[in-house]
Protein backbone atom coordinates (compact mmCIF):
# COMPACT_ATOMS: atom_id res chain seq x y z
CA MET A 1 1.59 -16.01 -32.96
CA THR A 2 -0.27 -18.76 -30.94
CA PRO A 3 -3.41 -16.40 -28.70
CA GLU A 4 -2.00 -17.93 -25.42
CA GLU A 5 1.70 -16.74 -26.72
CA LEU A 6 0.68 -13.58 -26.96
CA ALA A 7 -1.76 -13.40 -23.97
CA ALA A 8 1.86 -14.39 -21.64
CA SER A 9 3.41 -12.09 -23.39
CA LYS A 10 0.90 -9.32 -22.64
CA ALA A 11 0.72 -11.13 -18.45
CA ALA A 12 5.15 -10.55 -18.51
CA ALA A 13 5.25 -7.58 -20.11
CA ASN A 14 2.56 -5.54 -17.69
CA LEU A 15 4.42 -7.71 -14.97
CA LYS A 16 7.30 -5.54 -15.67
CA ARG A 17 5.57 -2.25 -16.59
CA ARG A 18 4.28 -2.87 -13.47
CA LEU A 19 7.79 -4.46 -11.27
CA ARG A 20 8.99 -0.67 -12.69
CA MET A 21 6.53 2.16 -11.21
CA LEU A 22 6.66 0.19 -7.53
CA TRP A 23 11.06 -0.98 -7.71
CA SER A 24 11.11 3.26 -7.43
CA GLY A 25 8.18 3.92 -4.72
CA ASP A 26 8.45 3.17 -1.44
CA SER A 27 6.70 -0.10 -1.07
CA THR A 28 9.35 -2.76 0.84
CA ILE A 29 10.20 -5.46 -1.32
CA GLU A 30 7.89 -7.65 0.76
CA GLU A 31 5.49 -5.49 0.51
CA ILE A 32 6.29 -5.66 -3.59
CA ALA A 33 6.23 -9.57 -3.61
CA ASP A 34 2.81 -9.33 -1.68
CA GLU A 35 1.24 -7.44 -4.96
CA LEU A 36 2.81 -9.03 -7.46
CA ALA A 37 2.01 -12.91 -6.04
CA MET A 38 5.87 -13.64 -6.70
CA ALA A 39 8.76 -14.64 -4.00
CA PRO A 40 11.46 -11.88 -3.45
CA ALA A 41 13.55 -13.75 -4.29
CA GLU A 42 12.04 -13.84 -7.79
CA ILE A 43 11.99 -9.78 -7.57
CA ASP A 44 15.43 -9.63 -6.70
CA ALA A 45 15.84 -11.76 -9.10
CA LEU A 46 13.62 -10.53 -12.79
CA ALA A 47 15.20 -6.62 -11.20
CA VAL A 48 18.85 -7.55 -12.18
CA SER A 49 17.24 -9.25 -14.81
CA MET A 50 16.05 -6.50 -15.57
CA GLY A 51 18.14 -3.32 -14.45
CA LEU A 52 16.18 -1.83 -12.80
CA GLY A 53 19.53 -1.02 -10.12
CA GLU A 54 19.87 -0.23 -6.60
CA ARG A 55 15.95 0.44 -4.90
CA PRO A 56 16.31 4.21 -4.28
CA GLU A 57 16.42 6.00 -0.34
CA VAL A 58 13.31 5.75 1.10
CA ASP A 59 13.66 8.43 4.38
CA LEU A 60 9.16 7.75 5.56
CA TYR A 61 7.68 9.63 8.81
CA GLU A 62 6.06 7.07 10.86
CA PRO A 63 4.90 8.37 13.53
CA ASP A 64 4.63 6.80 17.61
CA GLU A 65 0.95 5.88 18.65
CA LYS A 66 1.04 8.93 21.26
CA THR A 67 1.53 11.55 18.45
CA ILE A 68 -1.29 10.26 16.38
CA ARG A 69 -3.69 10.10 19.36
CA ALA A 70 -2.65 13.49 20.16
CA ALA A 71 -3.79 14.21 15.98
CA CYS A 72 -6.41 12.41 15.75
CA ALA A 73 -7.42 14.54 19.25
CA LYS A 74 -7.01 18.04 18.23
CA ILE A 75 -9.02 17.19 15.04
CA ARG A 76 -11.86 16.57 17.01
CA ALA A 77 -11.77 19.42 19.27
CA GLY A 78 -12.37 21.16 16.41
CA TRP A 79 -15.96 18.71 15.01
CA THR A 80 -19.16 20.29 16.69
CA PRO A 81 -21.63 18.46 18.01
CA ASP A 82 -23.27 17.67 15.09
CA GLU A 83 -20.04 16.27 12.93
CA ARG A 84 -19.50 14.47 16.73
CA GLU A 85 -22.81 12.82 16.98
CA SER A 86 -22.72 12.15 12.31
CA ARG A 87 -19.40 10.36 13.34
CA LEU A 88 -20.11 8.12 15.96
CA VAL A 89 -19.98 3.63 15.01
CA GLY A 90 -21.57 1.25 16.77
CA PRO A 91 -24.52 0.74 18.20
CA PRO A 92 -26.42 3.64 19.65
CA ARG A 93 -26.25 3.70 23.84
CA GLY A 94 -29.22 2.57 26.45
CA ARG A 95 -30.78 -0.01 26.87
CA LEU A 96 -32.40 -2.72 23.21
CA GLU A 97 -35.95 -3.97 23.98
C-alpha cells in the first residue's frame, strides 16, 4: 500500500468513526454535514452504506427568549456589586477625553 493509499484509508476510517459518533447524538443531518464538510445527501448515502439505521428520536428542550431572559435576570439578581462590576463588558461610562 502506497503512503497516499494509506492516508486515504485512514481518512476514510476517521470519517466513518466520526459519522458513527455524530449519528447517535442529537445533531441534525445538516449539522453533521457541516461538521464533516459533506452534503446532507452524501451523509445519508454513507450512513446507509454503513448500516447505521434510523436516527434516534431526540426530544430537546428549547426555551423561548422570555424564559431565557427571566433565568438570566434571576442569576444576575444573586450577583454581588463586585461580581456585577467584573462582568460588565464594554467601554467605561462617561466622557472620553
